[in-house]
PDB file of all heavy atoms in Angstrom:
ATOM      1  N   ALA A   1     132.628  47.846 118.198  1.00  0.00           N
ATOM      2  CA  ALA A   1     132.718  48.191 119.658  1.00  0.00           C
ATOM      3  C   ALA A   1     131.520  47.955 120.393  1.00  0.00           C
ATOM      4  O   ALA A   1     130.468  48.003 119.843  1.00  0.00           O
ATOM      5  CB  ALA A   1     133.287  49.597 119.835  1.00  0.00           C
ATOM      6  N   GLU A   2     131.702  47.842 121.764  1.00  0.00           N
ATOM      7  CA  GLU A   2     130.412  47.729 122.594  1.00  0.00           C
ATOM      8  C   GLU A   2     129.822  49.009 122.642  1.00  0.00           C
ATOM      9  O   GLU A   2     130.480  50.114 122.916  1.00  0.00           O
ATOM     10  CB  GLU A   2     130.805  47.256 124.010  1.00  0.00           C
ATOM     11  CG  GLU A   2     129.588  47.012 124.903  1.00  0.00           C
ATOM     12  CD  GLU A   2     129.949  46.278 126.228  1.00  0.00           C
ATOM     13  OE1 GLU A   2     131.008  45.677 126.406  1.00  0.00           O
ATOM     14  OE2 GLU A   2     129.103  46.408 127.086  1.00  0.00           O
ATOM     15  N   TYR A   3     128.393  49.090 122.346  1.00  0.00           N
ATOM     16  CA  TYR A   3     127.748  50.266 122.209  1.00  0.00           C
ATOM     17  C   TYR A   3     126.882  50.791 123.524  1.00  0.00           C
ATOM     18  O   TYR A   3     126.140  49.746 123.963  1.00  0.00           O
ATOM     19  CB  TYR A   3     126.914  50.213 121.018  1.00  0.00           C
ATOM     20  CG  TYR A   3     126.033  51.472 120.718  1.00  0.00           C
ATOM     21  CD1 TYR A   3     126.589  52.627 120.251  1.00  0.00           C
ATOM     22  CD2 TYR A   3     124.667  51.481 120.896  1.00  0.00           C
ATOM     23  CE1 TYR A   3     125.859  53.720 119.894  1.00  0.00           C
ATOM     24  CE2 TYR A   3     123.852  52.615 120.549  1.00  0.00           C
ATOM     25  CZ  TYR A   3     124.540  53.686 120.073  1.00  0.00           C
ATOM     26  OH  TYR A   3     123.667  54.836 119.717  1.00  0.00           O
ATOM     27  N   HIS A   4     127.029  51.729 123.996  1.00  0.00           N
ATOM     28  CA  HIS A   4     126.370  52.317 125.143  1.00  0.00           C
ATOM     29  C   HIS A   4     125.465  53.538 124.789  1.00  0.00           C
ATOM     30  O   HIS A   4     126.123  54.581 124.495  1.00  0.00           O
ATOM     31  CB  HIS A   4     127.312  52.701 126.345  1.00  0.00           C
ATOM     32  CG  HIS A   4     128.236  51.648 126.681  1.00  0.00           C
ATOM     33  ND1 HIS A   4     128.091  50.836 127.742  1.00  0.00           N
ATOM     34  CD2 HIS A   4     129.412  51.192 125.993  1.00  0.00           C
ATOM     35  CE1 HIS A   4     129.251  49.981 127.920  1.00  0.00           C
ATOM     36  NE2 HIS A   4     129.924  50.240 126.835  1.00  0.00           N
ATOM     37  N   ARG A   5     124.161  53.438 124.755  1.00  0.00           N
ATOM     38  CA  ARG A   5     123.360  54.546 124.334  1.00  0.00           C
ATOM     39  C   ARG A   5     122.603  55.109 125.560  1.00  0.00           C
ATOM     40  O   ARG A   5     121.591  54.412 126.023  1.00  0.00           O
ATOM     41  CB  ARG A   5     122.440  54.197 123.203  1.00  0.00           C
ATOM     42  CG  ARG A   5     122.183  55.283 122.205  1.00  0.00           C
ATOM     43  CD  ARG A   5     121.498  56.476 122.618  1.00  0.00           C
ATOM     44  NE  ARG A   5     120.212  56.026 123.238  1.00  0.00           N
ATOM     45  CZ  ARG A   5     119.690  56.490 124.219  1.00  0.00           C
ATOM     46  NH1 ARG A   5     120.184  57.554 124.864  1.00  0.00           N
ATOM     47  NH2 ARG A   5     118.503  56.079 124.772  1.00  0.00           N
ATOM     48  N   ILE A   6     122.974  56.069 126.280  1.00  0.00           N
ATOM     49  CA  ILE A   6     122.251  56.557 127.456  1.00  0.00           C
ATOM     50  C   ILE A   6     122.398  58.057 127.469  1.00  0.00           C
ATOM     51  O   ILE A   6     123.543  58.636 127.538  1.00  0.00           O
ATOM     52  CB  ILE A   6     122.832  55.947 128.759  1.00  0.00           C
ATOM     53  CG1 ILE A   6     122.145  56.398 129.960  1.00  0.00           C
ATOM     54  CG2 ILE A   6     124.337  55.988 128.846  1.00  0.00           C
ATOM     55  CD1 ILE A   6     122.358  55.662 131.223  1.00  0.00           C
ATOM     56  N   ASN A   7     121.277  58.729 127.429  1.00  0.00           N
ATOM     57  CA  ASN A   7     121.315  60.208 127.369  1.00  0.00           C
ATOM     58  C   ASN A   7     121.957  60.828 128.667  1.00  0.00           C
ATOM     59  O   ASN A   7     121.463  60.447 129.656  1.00  0.00           O
ATOM     60  CB  ASN A   7     119.770  60.653 127.206  1.00  0.00           C
ATOM     61  CG  ASN A   7     119.777  62.178 126.812  1.00  0.00           C
ATOM     62  OD1 ASN A   7     120.773  62.829 126.716  1.00  0.00           O
ATOM     63  ND2 ASN A   7     118.535  62.715 126.916  1.00  0.00           N
ATOM     64  N   ALA A   8     122.797  61.726 128.502  1.00  0.00           N
ATOM     65  CA  ALA A   8     123.496  62.368 129.587  1.00  0.00           C
ATOM     66  C   ALA A   8     122.652  63.567 130.124  1.00  0.00           C
ATOM     67  O   ALA A   8     122.943  64.080 131.173  1.00  0.00           O
ATOM     68  CB  ALA A   8     124.838  62.807 129.218  1.00  0.00           C
ATOM     69  N   MET A   9     121.667  63.946 129.435  1.00  0.00           N
ATOM     70  CA  MET A   9     120.833  65.126 129.802  1.00  0.00           C
ATOM     71  C   MET A   9     119.516  64.835 130.036  1.00  0.00           C
ATOM     72  O   MET A   9     118.758  64.469 129.144  1.00  0.00           O
ATOM     73  CB  MET A   9     120.997  66.193 128.602  1.00  0.00           C
ATOM     74  CG  MET A   9     120.532  67.655 128.920  1.00  0.00           C
ATOM     75  SD  MET A   9     121.744  68.441 130.061  1.00  0.00           S
ATOM     76  CE  MET A   9     122.925  68.974 128.811  1.00  0.00           C
ATOM     77  N   VAL A  10     118.949  65.050 131.193  1.00  0.00           N
ATOM     78  CA  VAL A  10     117.671  64.819 131.720  1.00  0.00           C
ATOM     79  C   VAL A  10     117.250  66.010 132.499  1.00  0.00           C
ATOM     80  O   VAL A  10     118.100  66.587 133.125  1.00  0.00           O
ATOM     81  CB  VAL A  10     117.392  63.539 132.495  1.00  0.00           C
ATOM     82  CG1 VAL A  10     117.721  62.270 131.586  1.00  0.00           C
ATOM     83  CG2 VAL A  10     118.237  63.532 133.709  1.00  0.00           C
ATOM     84  N   ASP A  11     115.900  66.312 132.572  1.00  0.00           N
ATOM     85  CA  ASP A  11     115.500  67.410 133.460  1.00  0.00           C
ATOM     86  C   ASP A  11     115.222  66.989 134.798  1.00  0.00           C
ATOM     87  O   ASP A  11     115.475  65.765 135.153  1.00  0.00           O
ATOM     88  CB  ASP A  11     114.237  68.089 132.785  1.00  0.00           C
ATOM     89  CG  ASP A  11     113.014  67.152 132.639  1.00  0.00           C
ATOM     90  OD1 ASP A  11     113.028  66.129 133.388  1.00  0.00           O
ATOM     91  OD2 ASP A  11     112.180  67.556 131.894  1.00  0.00           O
ATOM     92  N   GLY A  12     114.602  67.779 135.642  1.00  0.00           N
ATOM     93  CA  GLY A  12     114.409  67.337 136.982  1.00  0.00           C
ATOM     94  C   GLY A  12     113.427  66.287 137.345  1.00  0.00           C
ATOM     95  O   GLY A  12     113.579  65.630 138.329  1.00  0.00           O
ATOM     96  N   SER A  13     112.643  66.033 136.317  1.00  0.00           N
ATOM     97  CA  SER A  13     111.651  64.890 136.535  1.00  0.00           C
ATOM     98  C   SER A  13     112.223  63.536 135.891  1.00  0.00           C
ATOM     99  O   SER A  13     111.597  62.543 135.908  1.00  0.00           O
ATOM    100  CB  SER A  13     110.421  65.225 135.789  1.00  0.00           C
ATOM    101  OG  SER A  13     110.507  65.403 134.348  1.00  0.00           O
ATOM    102  N   GLY A  14     113.407  63.699 135.365  1.00  0.00           N
ATOM    103  CA  GLY A  14     114.036  62.492 134.734  1.00  0.00           C
ATOM    104  C   GLY A  14     113.700  62.324 133.182  1.00  0.00           C
ATOM    105  O   GLY A  14     114.185  61.398 132.598  1.00  0.00           O
ATOM    106  N   LYS A  15     113.042  63.389 132.665  1.00  0.00           N
ATOM    107  CA  LYS A  15     112.701  63.289 131.261  1.00  0.00           C
ATOM    108  C   LYS A  15     113.872  63.638 130.397  1.00  0.00           C
ATOM    109  O   LYS A  15     114.647  64.453 130.667  1.00  0.00           O
ATOM    110  CB  LYS A  15     111.506  64.335 130.902  1.00  0.00           C
ATOM    111  CG  LYS A  15     111.110  64.305 129.447  1.00  0.00           C
ATOM    112  CD  LYS A  15     110.034  65.398 129.315  1.00  0.00           C
ATOM    113  CE  LYS A  15     109.607  65.587 127.889  1.00  0.00           C
ATOM    114  NZ  LYS A  15     108.563  66.667 127.673  1.00  0.00           N
ATOM    115  N   GLN A  16     114.118  62.861 129.277  1.00  0.00           N
ATOM    116  CA  GLN A  16     115.161  63.091 128.382  1.00  0.00           C
ATOM    117  C   GLN A  16     115.121  64.460 127.692  1.00  0.00           C
ATOM    118  O   GLN A  16     114.038  64.914 127.265  1.00  0.00           O
ATOM    119  CB  GLN A  16     115.269  62.033 127.364  1.00  0.00           C
ATOM    120  CG  GLN A  16     115.626  60.574 127.990  1.00  0.00           C
ATOM    121  CD  GLN A  16     115.907  59.566 126.811  1.00  0.00           C
ATOM    122  OE1 GLN A  16     116.642  59.957 125.933  1.00  0.00           O
ATOM    123  NE2 GLN A  16     115.423  58.341 126.963  1.00  0.00           N
ATOM    124  N   VAL A  17     116.231  65.160 127.649  1.00  0.00           N
ATOM    125  CA  VAL A  17     116.185  66.438 127.046  1.00  0.00           C
ATOM    126  C   VAL A  17     116.918  66.313 125.689  1.00  0.00           C
ATOM    127  O   VAL A  17     118.169  65.778 125.681  1.00  0.00           O
ATOM    128  CB  VAL A  17     116.860  67.510 127.851  1.00  0.00           C
ATOM    129  CG1 VAL A  17     116.933  68.847 127.196  1.00  0.00           C
ATOM    130  CG2 VAL A  17     116.117  67.622 129.202  1.00  0.00           C
ATOM    131  N   GLN A  18     116.419  66.810 124.574  1.00  0.00           N
ATOM    132  CA  GLN A  18     117.071  66.854 123.331  1.00  0.00           C
ATOM    133  C   GLN A  18     118.165  68.162 123.401  1.00  0.00           C
ATOM    134  O   GLN A  18     117.635  69.254 123.367  1.00  0.00           O
ATOM    135  CB  GLN A  18     116.193  67.104 122.130  1.00  0.00           C
ATOM    136  CG  GLN A  18     115.615  65.780 121.571  1.00  0.00           C
ATOM    137  CD  GLN A  18     114.828  64.991 122.556  1.00  0.00           C
ATOM    138  OE1 GLN A  18     115.161  63.977 123.028  1.00  0.00           O
ATOM    139  NE2 GLN A  18     113.618  65.458 122.864  1.00  0.00           N
ATOM    140  N   PHE A  19     119.398  67.869 123.455  1.00  0.00           N
ATOM    141  CA  PHE A  19     120.213  69.024 123.617  1.00  0.00           C
ATOM    142  C   PHE A  19     121.196  69.198 122.430  1.00  0.00           C
ATOM    143  O   PHE A  19     122.405  69.563 122.480  1.00  0.00           O
ATOM    144  CB  PHE A  19     121.076  68.824 124.954  1.00  0.00           C
ATOM    145  CG  PHE A  19     121.271  70.191 125.638  1.00  0.00           C
ATOM    146  CD1 PHE A  19     120.319  70.786 126.285  1.00  0.00           C
ATOM    147  CD2 PHE A  19     122.622  70.545 125.847  1.00  0.00           C
ATOM    148  CE1 PHE A  19     120.501  71.975 126.946  1.00  0.00           C
ATOM    149  CE2 PHE A  19     122.868  71.733 126.482  1.00  0.00           C
ATOM    150  CZ  PHE A  19     121.760  72.501 127.069  1.00  0.00           C
ATOM    151  N   ASP A  20     120.699  68.884 121.249  1.00  0.00           N
ATOM    152  CA  ASP A  20     121.359  69.133 119.962  1.00  0.00           C
ATOM    153  C   ASP A  20     121.099  70.595 119.747  1.00  0.00           C
ATOM    154  O   ASP A  20     120.373  71.367 120.432  1.00  0.00           O
ATOM    155  CB  ASP A  20     120.810  68.328 118.880  1.00  0.00           C
ATOM    156  CG  ASP A  20     119.292  68.408 118.617  1.00  0.00           C
ATOM    157  OD1 ASP A  20     118.623  68.668 119.638  1.00  0.00           O
ATOM    158  OD2 ASP A  20     118.922  68.272 117.559  1.00  0.00           O
ATOM    159  N   PRO A  21     121.863  71.269 118.750  1.00  0.00           N
ATOM    160  CA  PRO A  21     121.587  72.660 118.472  1.00  0.00           C
ATOM    161  C   PRO A  21     120.069  72.999 118.187  1.00  0.00           C
ATOM    162  O   PRO A  21     119.669  74.029 118.761  1.00  0.00           O
ATOM    163  CB  PRO A  21     122.371  72.839 117.120  1.00  0.00           C
ATOM    164  CG  PRO A  21     123.514  71.880 117.232  1.00  0.00           C
ATOM    165  CD  PRO A  21     122.885  70.611 117.966  1.00  0.00           C
ATOM    166  N   LYS A  22     119.284  72.158 117.647  1.00  0.00           N
ATOM    167  CA  LYS A  22     117.892  72.418 117.378  1.00  0.00           C
ATOM    168  C   LYS A  22     117.180  72.470 118.759  1.00  0.00           C
ATOM    169  O   LYS A  22     116.362  73.248 119.053  1.00  0.00           O
ATOM    170  CB  LYS A  22     117.294  71.399 116.515  1.00  0.00           C
ATOM    171  CG  LYS A  22     115.779  71.606 116.083  1.00  0.00           C
ATOM    172  CD  LYS A  22     115.187  70.612 115.244  1.00  0.00           C
ATOM    173  CE  LYS A  22     113.694  70.818 114.920  1.00  0.00           C
ATOM    174  NZ  LYS A  22     113.180  69.815 114.053  1.00  0.00           N
ATOM    175  N   GLY A  23     117.531  71.491 119.560  1.00  0.00           N
ATOM    176  CA  GLY A  23     116.946  71.316 120.839  1.00  0.00           C
ATOM    177  C   GLY A  23     117.260  72.587 121.770  1.00  0.00           C
ATOM    178  O   GLY A  23     116.397  73.014 122.562  1.00  0.00           O
ATOM    179  N   ILE A  24     118.376  73.026 121.739  1.00  0.00           N
ATOM    180  CA  ILE A  24     118.866  74.194 122.450  1.00  0.00           C
ATOM    181  C   ILE A  24     118.006  75.343 122.111  1.00  0.00           C
ATOM    182  O   ILE A  24     117.543  76.206 122.847  1.00  0.00           O
ATOM    183  CB  ILE A  24     120.282  74.489 122.308  1.00  0.00           C
ATOM    184  CG1 ILE A  24     121.089  73.387 123.004  1.00  0.00           C
ATOM    185  CG2 ILE A  24     120.684  75.840 122.991  1.00  0.00           C
ATOM    186  CD1 ILE A  24     122.616  73.443 122.725  1.00  0.00           C
ATOM    187  N   ALA A  25     117.732  75.540 120.770  1.00  0.00           N
ATOM    188  CA  ALA A  25     116.994  76.718 120.245  1.00  0.00           C
ATOM    189  C   ALA A  25     115.519  76.557 120.766  1.00  0.00           C
ATOM    190  O   ALA A  25     114.921  77.506 121.011  1.00  0.00           O
ATOM    191  CB  ALA A  25     117.016  76.661 118.672  1.00  0.00           C
ATOM    192  N   GLU A  26     115.003  75.294 120.719  1.00  0.00           N
ATOM    193  CA  GLU A  26     113.658  75.163 121.291  1.00  0.00           C
ATOM    194  C   GLU A  26     113.536  75.551 122.742  1.00  0.00           C
ATOM    195  O   GLU A  26     112.586  76.092 123.197  1.00  0.00           O
ATOM    196  CB  GLU A  26     113.130  73.742 120.974  1.00  0.00           C
ATOM    197  CG  GLU A  26     112.872  73.352 119.501  1.00  0.00           C
ATOM    198  CD  GLU A  26     111.887  74.177 118.906  1.00  0.00           C
ATOM    199  OE1 GLU A  26     110.801  74.511 119.548  1.00  0.00           O
ATOM    200  OE2 GLU A  26     112.202  74.718 117.801  1.00  0.00           O
ATOM    201  N   ILE A  27     114.514  75.137 123.463  1.00  0.00           N
ATOM    202  CA  ILE A  27     114.589  75.474 124.952  1.00  0.00           C
ATOM    203  C   ILE A  27     114.538  77.018 125.162  1.00  0.00           C
ATOM    204  O   ILE A  27     113.815  77.550 125.875  1.00  0.00           O
ATOM    205  CB  ILE A  27     115.822  74.948 125.592  1.00  0.00           C
ATOM    206  CG1 ILE A  27     115.761  73.362 125.706  1.00  0.00           C
ATOM    207  CG2 ILE A  27     116.042  75.524 126.958  1.00  0.00           C
ATOM    208  CD1 ILE A  27     117.069  72.678 126.094  1.00  0.00           C
ATOM    209  N   ALA A  28     115.370  77.669 124.259  1.00  0.00           N
ATOM    210  CA  ALA A  28     115.260  79.084 124.379  1.00  0.00           C
ATOM    211  C   ALA A  28     113.938  79.762 124.078  1.00  0.00           C
ATOM    212  O   ALA A  28     113.518  80.730 124.556  1.00  0.00           O
ATOM    213  CB  ALA A  28     116.314  79.687 123.393  1.00  0.00           C
ATOM    214  N   LYS A  29     113.125  79.059 123.122  1.00  0.00           N
ATOM    215  CA  LYS A  29     111.927  79.596 122.777  1.00  0.00           C
ATOM    216  C   LYS A  29     110.816  79.284 123.913  1.00  0.00           C
ATOM    217  O   LYS A  29     110.042  80.194 124.325  1.00  0.00           O
ATOM    218  CB  LYS A  29     111.359  78.996 121.448  1.00  0.00           C
ATOM    219  CG  LYS A  29     112.237  79.431 120.280  1.00  0.00           C
ATOM    220  CD  LYS A  29     111.613  78.602 119.139  1.00  0.00           C
ATOM    221  CE  LYS A  29     112.324  78.969 117.780  1.00  0.00           C
ATOM    222  NZ  LYS A  29     111.868  78.164 116.699  1.00  0.00           N
ATOM    223  N   GLU A  30     110.874  78.184 124.449  1.00  0.00           N
ATOM    224  CA  GLU A  30     109.904  77.707 125.453  1.00  0.00           C
ATOM    225  C   GLU A  30     110.128  78.109 126.846  1.00  0.00           C
ATOM    226  O   GLU A  30     109.156  78.065 127.672  1.00  0.00           O
ATOM    227  CB  GLU A  30     109.842  76.110 125.378  1.00  0.00           C
ATOM    228  CG  GLU A  30     109.458  75.615 124.089  1.00  0.00           C
ATOM    229  CD  GLU A  30     109.542  74.090 124.047  1.00  0.00           C
ATOM    230  OE1 GLU A  30     109.859  73.426 125.024  1.00  0.00           O
ATOM    231  OE2 GLU A  30     109.338  73.438 122.929  1.00  0.00           O
ATOM    232  N   HIS A  31     111.355  78.570 127.154  1.00  0.00           N
ATOM    233  CA  HIS A  31     111.535  78.928 128.587  1.00  0.00           C
ATOM    234  C   HIS A  31     112.076  80.403 128.675  1.00  0.00           C
ATOM    235  O   HIS A  31     113.002  80.828 128.154  1.00  0.00           O
ATOM    236  CB  HIS A  31     112.698  78.048 129.106  1.00  0.00           C
ATOM    237  CG  HIS A  31     112.374  76.585 129.279  1.00  0.00           C
ATOM    238  ND1 HIS A  31     111.753  76.013 130.475  1.00  0.00           N
ATOM    239  CD2 HIS A  31     112.413  75.620 128.357  1.00  0.00           C
ATOM    240  CE1 HIS A  31     111.464  74.795 130.185  1.00  0.00           C
ATOM    241  NE2 HIS A  31     111.869  74.479 129.016  1.00  0.00           N
ATOM    242  N   ASP A  32     111.159  81.176 129.378  1.00  0.00           N
ATOM    243  CA  ASP A  32     111.550  82.559 129.498  1.00  0.00           C
ATOM    244  C   ASP A  32     112.859  82.762 130.242  1.00  0.00           C
ATOM    245  O   ASP A  32     113.668  83.722 130.059  1.00  0.00           O
ATOM    246  CB  ASP A  32     110.394  83.253 130.430  1.00  0.00           C
ATOM    247  CG  ASP A  32     109.100  83.429 129.692  1.00  0.00           C
ATOM    248  OD1 ASP A  32     109.177  83.298 128.408  1.00  0.00           O
ATOM    249  OD2 ASP A  32     108.080  83.389 130.306  1.00  0.00           O
ATOM    250  N   GLN A  33     113.118  81.768 131.164  1.00  0.00           N
ATOM    251  CA  GLN A  33     114.374  81.798 131.880  1.00  0.00           C
ATOM    252  C   GLN A  33     115.346  80.779 131.366  1.00  0.00           C
ATOM    253  O   GLN A  33     115.778  79.825 131.932  1.00  0.00           O
ATOM    254  CB  GLN A  33     114.102  81.576 133.337  1.00  0.00           C
ATOM    255  CG  GLN A  33     113.038  82.457 134.027  1.00  0.00           C
ATOM    256  CD  GLN A  33     113.699  83.901 134.046  1.00  0.00           C
ATOM    257  OE1 GLN A  33     114.942  84.095 134.156  1.00  0.00           O
ATOM    258  NE2 GLN A  33     112.750  84.936 133.912  1.00  0.00           N
ATOM    259  N   ALA A  34     115.556  80.883 129.900  1.00  0.00           N
ATOM    260  CA  ALA A  34     116.412  79.924 129.274  1.00  0.00           C
ATOM    261  C   ALA A  34     117.784  79.806 129.896  1.00  0.00           C
ATOM    262  O   ALA A  34     118.320  78.592 130.087  1.00  0.00           O
ATOM    263  CB  ALA A  34     116.499  80.316 127.772  1.00  0.00           C
ATOM    264  N   ASN A  35     118.399  80.880 130.338  1.00  0.00           N
ATOM    265  CA  ASN A  35     119.649  80.741 131.030  1.00  0.00           C
ATOM    266  C   ASN A  35     119.616  79.896 132.246  1.00  0.00           C
ATOM    267  O   ASN A  35     120.600  79.090 132.522  1.00  0.00           O
ATOM    268  CB  ASN A  35     120.274  82.093 131.290  1.00  0.00           C
ATOM    269  CG  ASN A  35     120.792  82.745 129.986  1.00  0.00           C
ATOM    270  OD1 ASN A  35     120.986  82.100 128.987  1.00  0.00           O
ATOM    271  ND2 ASN A  35     120.874  84.199 130.028  1.00  0.00           N
ATOM    272  N   ASP A  36     118.637  80.093 132.989  1.00  0.00           N
ATOM    273  CA  ASP A  36     118.423  79.354 134.261  1.00  0.00           C
ATOM    274  C   ASP A  36     118.289  77.821 133.967  1.00  0.00           C
ATOM    275  O   ASP A  36     118.800  76.932 134.654  1.00  0.00           O
ATOM    276  CB  ASP A  36     117.283  79.804 135.094  1.00  0.00           C
ATOM    277  CG  ASP A  36     117.546  81.295 135.677  1.00  0.00           C
ATOM    278  OD1 ASP A  36     118.742  81.630 135.722  1.00  0.00           O
ATOM    279  OD2 ASP A  36     116.564  81.892 136.020  1.00  0.00           O
ATOM    280  N   PHE A  37     117.532  77.573 132.969  1.00  0.00           N
ATOM    281  CA  PHE A  37     117.225  76.191 132.582  1.00  0.00           C
ATOM    282  C   PHE A  37     118.495  75.430 132.090  1.00  0.00           C
ATOM    283  O   PHE A  37     118.774  74.481 132.524  1.00  0.00           O
ATOM    284  CB  PHE A  37     116.168  76.135 131.438  1.00  0.00           C
ATOM    285  CG  PHE A  37     115.903  74.790 130.981  1.00  0.00           C
ATOM    286  CD1 PHE A  37     114.764  74.006 131.657  1.00  0.00           C
ATOM    287  CD2 PHE A  37     116.433  74.185 129.810  1.00  0.00           C
ATOM    288  CE1 PHE A  37     114.525  72.708 131.381  1.00  0.00           C
ATOM    289  CE2 PHE A  37     116.074  72.867 129.472  1.00  0.00           C
ATOM    290  CZ  PHE A  37     115.143  72.232 130.243  1.00  0.00           C
ATOM    291  N   ILE A  38     119.333  76.188 131.277  1.00  0.00           N
ATOM    292  CA  ILE A  38     120.532  75.592 130.819  1.00  0.00           C
ATOM    293  C   ILE A  38     121.524  75.424 131.938  1.00  0.00           C
ATOM    294  O   ILE A  38     122.194  74.426 131.976  1.00  0.00           O
ATOM    295  CB  ILE A  38     121.169  76.493 129.638  1.00  0.00           C
ATOM    296  CG1 ILE A  38     120.239  76.328 128.428  1.00  0.00           C
ATOM    297  CG2 ILE A  38     122.498  76.054 129.377  1.00  0.00           C
ATOM    298  CD1 ILE A  38     120.683  77.359 127.289  1.00  0.00           C
ATOM    299  N   GLN A  39     121.547  76.308 132.865  1.00  0.00           N
ATOM    300  CA  GLN A  39     122.390  76.139 134.025  1.00  0.00           C
ATOM    301  C   GLN A  39     122.010  74.944 134.858  1.00  0.00           C
ATOM    302  O   GLN A  39     122.829  74.249 135.349  1.00  0.00           O
ATOM    303  CB  GLN A  39     122.411  77.507 134.826  1.00  0.00           C
ATOM    304  CG  GLN A  39     123.291  78.599 134.398  1.00  0.00           C
ATOM    305  CD  GLN A  39     123.371  79.798 135.317  1.00  0.00           C
ATOM    306  OE1 GLN A  39     122.677  79.830 136.405  1.00  0.00           O
ATOM    307  NE2 GLN A  39     124.364  80.575 135.188  1.00  0.00           N
ATOM    308  N   GLN A  40     120.625  74.808 134.990  1.00  0.00           N
ATOM    309  CA  GLN A  40     120.184  73.535 135.666  1.00  0.00           C
ATOM    310  C   GLN A  40     120.773  72.293 134.975  1.00  0.00           C
ATOM    311  O   GLN A  40     121.115  71.398 135.702  1.00  0.00           O
ATOM    312  CB  GLN A  40     118.748  73.592 135.669  1.00  0.00           C
ATOM    313  CG  GLN A  40     118.051  72.363 136.494  1.00  0.00           C
ATOM    314  CD  GLN A  40     116.576  72.437 136.207  1.00  0.00           C
ATOM    315  OE1 GLN A  40     115.899  73.159 135.734  1.00  0.00           O
ATOM    316  NE2 GLN A  40     116.025  71.260 136.851  1.00  0.00           N
ATOM    317  N   MET A  41     120.651  72.331 133.625  1.00  0.00           N
ATOM    318  CA  MET A  41     121.098  71.183 132.955  1.00  0.00           C
ATOM    319  C   MET A  41     122.553  70.921 133.116  1.00  0.00           C
ATOM    320  O   MET A  41     123.038  69.789 133.402  1.00  0.00           O
ATOM    321  CB  MET A  41     120.782  71.301 131.403  1.00  0.00           C
ATOM    322  CG  MET A  41     119.380  71.416 131.024  1.00  0.00           C
ATOM    323  SD  MET A  41     118.447  69.909 131.362  1.00  0.00           S
ATOM    324  CE  MET A  41     117.639  70.266 132.931  1.00  0.00           C
ATOM    325  N   TYR A  42     123.459  71.982 133.113  1.00  0.00           N
ATOM    326  CA  TYR A  42     124.751  71.733 133.372  1.00  0.00           C
ATOM    327  C   TYR A  42     125.137  71.448 134.765  1.00  0.00           C
ATOM    328  O   TYR A  42     126.125  70.821 135.129  1.00  0.00           O
ATOM    329  CB  TYR A  42     125.519  73.057 132.897  1.00  0.00           C
ATOM    330  CG  TYR A  42     125.924  72.993 131.455  1.00  0.00           C
ATOM    331  CD1 TYR A  42     125.069  73.442 130.445  1.00  0.00           C
ATOM    332  CD2 TYR A  42     127.141  72.439 131.064  1.00  0.00           C
ATOM    333  CE1 TYR A  42     125.431  73.394 129.117  1.00  0.00           C
ATOM    334  CE2 TYR A  42     127.490  72.471 129.703  1.00  0.00           C
ATOM    335  CZ  TYR A  42     126.578  72.842 128.683  1.00  0.00           C
ATOM    336  OH  TYR A  42     126.974  72.818 127.403  1.00  0.00           O
ATOM    337  N   GLY A  43     124.194  71.852 135.619  1.00  0.00           N
ATOM    338  CA  GLY A  43     124.381  71.468 136.993  1.00  0.00           C
ATOM    339  C   GLY A  43     124.171  70.103 137.356  1.00  0.00           C
ATOM    340  O   GLY A  43     124.732  69.483 138.321  1.00  0.00           O
ATOM    341  N   ASN A  44     123.261  69.472 136.542  1.00  0.00           N
ATOM    342  CA  ASN A  44     122.886  68.099 136.702  1.00  0.00           C
ATOM    343  C   ASN A  44     123.896  67.179 136.048  1.00  0.00           C
ATOM    344  O   ASN A  44     124.048  66.009 136.375  1.00  0.00           O
ATOM    345  CB  ASN A  44     121.503  67.729 136.102  1.00  0.00           C
ATOM    346  CG  ASN A  44     120.400  68.445 136.992  1.00  0.00           C
ATOM    347  OD1 ASN A  44     120.675  68.740 138.197  1.00  0.00           O
ATOM    348  ND2 ASN A  44     119.296  68.671 136.351  1.00  0.00           N
TER     349      ASN A  44
END
């Protein structure tokens, strides 16, 4: 099949976000406001 590889998840600066289970765990560690960060991702 024709292959399209383009990350659906980027932060406000356009940086790619690893949003696999491991990446989500890292986000929770690095951001005091993890819920707000995840909401921002889902809002984008």
